[in-house]
C-alpha atoms as a PDB file:
ATOM      1  CA  MET A   1      -9.019  35.457 -30.444  1.00  0.00           C
ATOM      2  CA  ASN A   2     -11.999  36.239 -28.227  1.00  0.00           C
ATOM      3  CA  ARG A   3     -12.093  36.038 -24.468  1.00  0.00           C
ATOM      4  CA  SER A   4     -13.713  32.563 -24.207  1.00  0.00           C
ATOM      5  CA  GLU A   5     -11.036  31.030 -26.436  1.00  0.00           C
ATOM      6  CA  THR A   6      -8.268  32.594 -24.388  1.00  0.00           C
ATOM      7  CA  SER A   7      -9.651  31.360 -21.086  1.00  0.00           C
ATOM      8  CA  THR A   8     -10.053  27.851 -22.538  1.00  0.00           C
ATOM      9  CA  ALA A   9      -6.447  27.848 -23.755  1.00  0.00           C
ATOM     10  CA  ASP A  10      -5.220  29.118 -20.419  1.00  0.00           C
ATOM     11  CA  LEU A  11      -7.266  26.476 -18.602  1.00  0.00           C
ATOM     12  CA  THR A  12      -5.851  23.768 -20.899  1.00  0.00           C
ATOM     13  CA  ASP A  13      -2.305  24.935 -20.205  1.00  0.00           C
ATOM     14  CA  GLU A  14      -2.928  24.969 -16.464  1.00  0.00           C
ATOM     15  CA  ILE A  15      -4.384  21.469 -16.535  1.00  0.00           C
ATOM     16  CA  SER A  16      -1.465  20.229 -18.606  1.00  0.00           C
ATOM     17  CA  SER A  17       1.030  21.797 -16.208  1.00  0.00           C
ATOM     18  CA  ARG A  18      -0.726  20.192 -13.191  1.00  0.00           C
ATOM     19  CA  LYS A  19      -0.664  16.791 -14.921  1.00  0.00           C
ATOM     20  CA  LYS A  20       3.048  17.120 -15.481  1.00  0.00           C
ATOM     21  CA  ILE A  21       3.611  17.985 -11.861  1.00  0.00           C
ATOM     22  CA  ALA A  22       1.470  15.093 -10.663  1.00  0.00           C
ATOM     23  CA  LEU A  23       3.193  12.716 -13.099  1.00  0.00           C
ATOM     24  CA  TYR A  24       6.609  13.785 -11.834  1.00  0.00           C
ATOM     25  CA  GLN A  25       5.613  13.364  -8.175  1.00  0.00           C
ATOM     26  CA  TYR A  26       4.599   9.800  -8.771  1.00  0.00           C
ATOM     27  CA  THR A  27       7.247   8.735 -11.275  1.00  0.00           C
ATOM     28  CA  ALA A  28      10.295  10.522  -9.891  1.00  0.00           C
ATOM     29  CA  PRO A  29      12.602   8.226  -7.956  1.00  0.00           C
ATOM     30  CA  PRO A  30      12.163   8.591  -4.202  1.00  0.00           C
ATOM     31  CA  ARG A  31      14.737  10.760  -2.556  1.00  0.00           C
ATOM     32  CA  PRO A  32      17.497   9.018  -0.562  1.00  0.00           C
ATOM     33  CA  ALA A  33      16.289   7.985   2.919  1.00  0.00           C
ATOM     34  CA  THR A  34      17.641   9.726   5.991  1.00  0.00           C
ATOM     35  CA  ALA A  35      17.903   8.425   9.524  1.00  0.00           C
ATOM     36  CA  LYS A  36      14.810  10.432  10.377  1.00  0.00           C
ATOM     37  CA  ASP A  37      12.891   8.660   7.611  1.00  0.00           C
ATOM     38  CA  PHE A  38      13.683   5.282   9.133  1.00  0.00           C
ATOM     39  CA  THR A  39      12.551   6.502  12.557  1.00  0.00           C
ATOM     40  CA  ASP A  40       9.363   8.034  11.181  1.00  0.00           C
ATOM     41  CA  ALA A  41       8.509   5.001   9.124  1.00  0.00           C
ATOM     42  CA  TYR A  42       8.936   2.705  12.106  1.00  0.00           C
ATOM     43  CA  ALA A  43       6.766   4.964  14.332  1.00  0.00           C
ATOM     44  CA  LEU A  44       4.006   5.204  11.730  1.00  0.00           C
ATOM     45  CA  LEU A  45       4.071   1.435  11.207  1.00  0.00           C
ATOM     46  CA  LYS A  46       3.786   0.800  14.957  1.00  0.00           C
ATOM     47  CA  LYS A  47       0.837   3.183  15.129  1.00  0.00           C
ATOM     48  CA  ALA A  48      -0.952   1.352  12.275  1.00  0.00           C
ATOM     49  CA  LEU A  49      -0.298  -2.220  13.588  1.00  0.00           C
ATOM     50  CA  PRO A  50      -3.504  -2.556  15.680  1.00  0.00           C
ATOM     51  CA  ARG A  51      -5.473  -2.459  12.437  1.00  0.00           C
ATOM     52  CA  LEU A  52      -3.955  -5.815  11.502  1.00  0.00           C
ATOM     53  CA  ARG A  53      -5.221  -7.763  14.522  1.00  0.00           C
ATOM     54  CA  GLY A  54      -7.271 -10.839  13.725  1.00  0.00           C
ATOM     55  CA  ASN A  55      -5.641 -11.554  10.381  1.00  0.00           C
ATOM     56  CA  THR A  56      -3.343 -14.530   9.727  1.00  0.00           C
ATOM     57  CA  TRP A  57      -0.331 -13.079   7.951  1.00  0.00           C
ATOM     58  CA  ARG A  58       3.224 -12.856   9.037  1.00  0.00           C
ATOM     59  CA  ALA A  59       5.104 -10.338   6.898  1.00  0.00           C
ATOM     60  CA  ARG A  60       8.686  -9.179   6.604  1.00  0.00           C
ATOM     61  CA  ILE A  61       9.063  -5.499   5.767  1.00  0.00           C
ATOM     62  CA  ASP A  62      12.497  -4.599   4.389  1.00  0.00           C
ATOM     63  CA  LEU A  63      13.296  -0.912   4.383  1.00  0.00           C
ATOM     64  CA  GLY A  64      16.817  -1.423   3.047  1.00  0.00           C
ATOM     65  CA  ASP A  65      18.605  -0.721   6.307  1.00  0.00           C
ATOM     66  CA  GLY A  66      19.690  -4.367   6.849  1.00  0.00           C
ATOM     67  CA  ALA A  67      17.257  -4.851   9.758  1.00  0.00           C
ATOM     68  CA  PRO A  68      13.973  -6.212   8.387  1.00  0.00           C
ATOM     69  CA  ILE A  69      10.782  -5.792  10.472  1.00  0.00           C
ATOM     70  CA  ILE A  70       8.687  -8.920  11.066  1.00  0.00           C
ATOM     71  CA  VAL A  71       4.996  -8.150  11.571  1.00  0.00           C
ATOM     72  CA  GLU A  72       2.707 -10.672  13.215  1.00  0.00           C
ATOM     73  CA  SER A  73      -0.802  -9.681  12.211  1.00  0.00           C
ATOM     74  CA  ARG A  74      -2.631 -12.065  14.602  1.00  0.00           C
ATOM     75  CA  THR A  75      -1.428  -9.909  17.488  1.00  0.00           C
ATOM     76  CA  GLY A  76      -0.676  -6.700  15.600  1.00  0.00           C
ATOM     77  CA  ALA A  77       2.902  -6.643  16.861  1.00  0.00           C
ATOM     78  CA  ILE A  78       6.458  -6.469  15.625  1.00  0.00           C
ATOM     79  CA  ILE A  79       8.345  -9.639  16.604  1.00  0.00           C
ATOM     80  CA  PRO A  80      12.102 -10.239  16.647  1.00  0.00           C
ATOM     81  CA  GLU A  81      13.479 -11.899  13.561  1.00  0.00           C
ATOM     82  CA  SER A  82      14.653 -15.489  14.099  1.00  0.00           C
ATOM     83  CA  ALA A  83      15.299 -18.554  11.994  1.00  0.00           C
ATOM     84  CA  THR A  84      12.154 -20.239  13.367  1.00  0.00           C
ATOM     85  CA  HIS A  85       9.801 -17.557  12.078  1.00  0.00           C
ATOM     86  CA  THR A  86       8.485 -18.219   8.601  1.00  0.00           C
ATOM     87  CA  VAL A  87       6.885 -15.306   6.763  1.00  0.00           C
ATOM     88  CA  ASP A  88       4.093 -15.387   4.249  1.00  0.00           C
ATOM     89  CA  PHE A  89       5.669 -12.606   2.076  1.00  0.00           C
ATOM     90  CA  THR A  90       8.263  -9.889   2.100  1.00  0.00           C
ATOM     91  CA  LEU A  91       7.606  -6.285   1.210  1.00  0.00           C
ATOM     92  CA  SER A  92      10.714  -4.293   0.157  1.00  0.00           C
ATOM     93  CA  MET A  93      10.504  -0.543  -0.099  1.00  0.00           C
ATOM     94  CA  SER A  94      12.122   2.736   0.809  1.00  0.00           C
ATOM     95  CA  PRO A  95      11.114   4.177   4.180  1.00  0.00           C
ATOM     96  CA  VAL A  96       9.962   7.252   2.210  1.00  0.00           C
ATOM     97  CA  VAL A  97       7.460   5.041   0.333  1.00  0.00           C
ATOM     98  CA  LEU A  98       6.204   3.528   3.644  1.00  0.00           C
ATOM     99  CA  ILE A  99       5.771   7.002   5.109  1.00  0.00           C
ATOM    100  CA  HIS A 100       3.805   8.261   2.096  1.00  0.00           C
ATOM    101  CA  THR A 101       1.611   5.151   2.136  1.00  0.00           C
ATOM    102  CA  LEU A 102       0.854   5.238   5.855  1.00  0.00           C
ATOM    103  CA  LYS A 103       0.135   8.989   5.743  1.00  0.00           C
ATOM    104  CA  GLY A 104      -2.277   8.373   2.874  1.00  0.00           C
ATOM    105  CA  THR A 105      -0.432  10.443   0.246  1.00  0.00           C
ATOM    106  CA  MET A 106       0.251   7.378  -1.851  1.00  0.00           C
ATOM    107  CA  ASP A 107      -2.150   4.542  -2.484  1.00  0.00           C
ATOM    108  CA  PRO A 108      -0.629   1.203  -1.439  1.00  0.00           C
ATOM    109  CA  ARG A 109      -1.811  -0.536  -4.607  1.00  0.00           C
ATOM    110  CA  TYR A 110      -0.082   2.204  -6.624  1.00  0.00           C
ATOM    111  CA  GLY A 111       3.141   1.333  -4.834  1.00  0.00           C
ATOM    112  CA  LEU A 112       2.667  -2.327  -5.698  1.00  0.00           C
ATOM    113  CA  MET A 113       1.809  -1.715  -9.313  1.00  0.00           C
ATOM    114  CA  THR A 114       4.679   0.709  -9.945  1.00  0.00           C
ATOM    115  CA  LEU A 115       7.155  -1.587  -8.164  1.00  0.00           C
ATOM    116  CA  ARG A 116       7.982   1.051  -5.527  1.00  0.00           C
ATOM    117  CA  VAL A 117       6.970  -1.759  -3.228  1.00  0.00           C
ATOM    118  CA  LYS A 118       8.375  -5.128  -4.257  1.00  0.00           C
ATOM    119  CA  VAL A 119       6.752  -8.316  -3.128  1.00  0.00           C
ATOM    120  CA  ASP A 120       8.587 -11.584  -2.569  1.00  0.00           C
ATOM    121  CA  GLY A 121       5.882 -14.181  -2.213  1.00  0.00           C
ATOM    122  CA  PRO A 122       2.193 -14.337  -3.102  1.00  0.00           C
ATOM    123  CA  MET A 123       0.647 -11.012  -4.180  1.00  0.00           C
ATOM    124  CA  SER A 124      -2.864 -11.693  -2.800  1.00  0.00           C
ATOM    125  CA  PRO A 125      -2.001 -11.774   0.896  1.00  0.00           C
ATOM    126  CA  ALA A 126       0.438  -8.850   0.393  1.00  0.00           C
ATOM    127  CA  THR A 127      -2.430  -6.774  -1.086  1.00  0.00           C
ATOM    128  CA  ARG A 128      -4.779  -7.790   1.733  1.00  0.00           C
ATOM    129  CA  PHE A 129      -2.096  -6.909   4.239  1.00  0.00           C
ATOM    130  CA  TRP A 130      -1.818  -3.389   2.797  1.00  0.00           C
ATOM    131  CA  ASP A 131      -5.600  -3.037   2.814  1.00  0.00           C
ATOM    132  CA  ALA A 132      -5.734  -4.020   6.475  1.00  0.00           C
ATOM    133  CA  LEU A 133      -2.820  -1.760   7.379  1.00  0.00           C
ATOM    134  CA  MET A 134      -4.645   1.138   5.767  1.00  0.00           C
ATOM    135  CA  GLY A 135      -7.829   0.360   7.667  1.00  0.00           C
ATOM    136  CA  ARG A 136      -9.593  -1.205   4.710  1.00  0.00           C
ATOM    137  CA  ASN A 137     -10.057  -4.613   6.279  1.00  0.00           C
ATOM    138  CA  ASN A 138     -12.980  -5.698   4.192  1.00  0.00           C
ATOM    139  CA  THR A 139     -11.320  -6.927   0.985  1.00  0.00           C
ATOM    140  CA  ASN A 140     -13.564  -9.397  -0.800  1.00  0.00           C
ATOM    141  CA  LYS A 141     -15.970  -9.748   2.135  1.00  0.00           C
ATOM    142  CA  PHE A 142     -19.746  -9.440   1.970  1.00  0.00           C
ATOM    143  CA  PRO A 143     -21.812  -7.534   4.565  1.00  0.00           C
ATOM    144  CA  ALA A 144     -23.255  -9.609   7.376  1.00  0.00           C
ATOM    145  CA  GLY A 145     -26.513 -11.282   6.354  1.00  0.00           C
ATOM    146  CA  THR A 146     -25.685 -11.318   2.631  1.00  0.00           C
ATOM    147  CA  VAL A 147     -26.867 -14.489   0.962  1.00  0.00           C
ATOM    148  CA  LEU A 148     -25.204 -15.506  -2.257  1.00  0.00           C
ATOM    149  CA  PRO A 149     -27.378 -16.792  -5.106  1.00  0.00           C
ATOM    150  CA  THR A 150     -27.715 -20.504  -5.581  1.00  0.00           C
ATOM    151  CA  PRO A 151     -25.650 -21.631  -8.578  1.00  0.00           C
ATOM    152  CA  THR A 152     -27.685 -22.688 -11.567  1.00  0.00           C
ATOM    153  CA  THR A 153     -26.629 -25.981 -13.137  1.00  0.00           C
ATOM    154  CA  ASP A 154     -29.373 -26.585 -15.668  1.00  0.00           C
ATOM    155  CA  LEU A 155     -28.802 -23.594 -18.020  1.00  0.00           C
ATOM    156  CA  GLU A 156     -28.471 -24.419 -21.688  1.00  0.00           C
ATOM    157  CA  LEU A 157     -26.233 -21.881 -23.386  1.00  0.00           C
END
């Protein structure tokens, strides 16, 4: 075997090994949450809340500790849970998943698609909530001044 074949084989093995590690990181079950995880998740969520201001969702975030967090996106605040508050959707996840998402080490849509984040309610506002929480508040919006084309009704197909 010549040198170029050896280096290609080595490179292939290295890439394969990295893929296995990456696959494990994203498919392995999250580790059990500690009290510090709950505290860190709550602190990161509070820090990200101002990004939600101006939206119209009210979400319940359940981290599995028996004390769900109600987020009012109009004001970007956490409100006390009461029987009079209705929520648009509930997001259930481990605090570890919330930490990874808010730190940017896990894409929120990945969490939704792999069921690490479970949604009770409509998926569309839950996805837009995540986008806004991550600072991507422009889901399905056109830039200012954009004019959409006039629909054509007389086409013969």
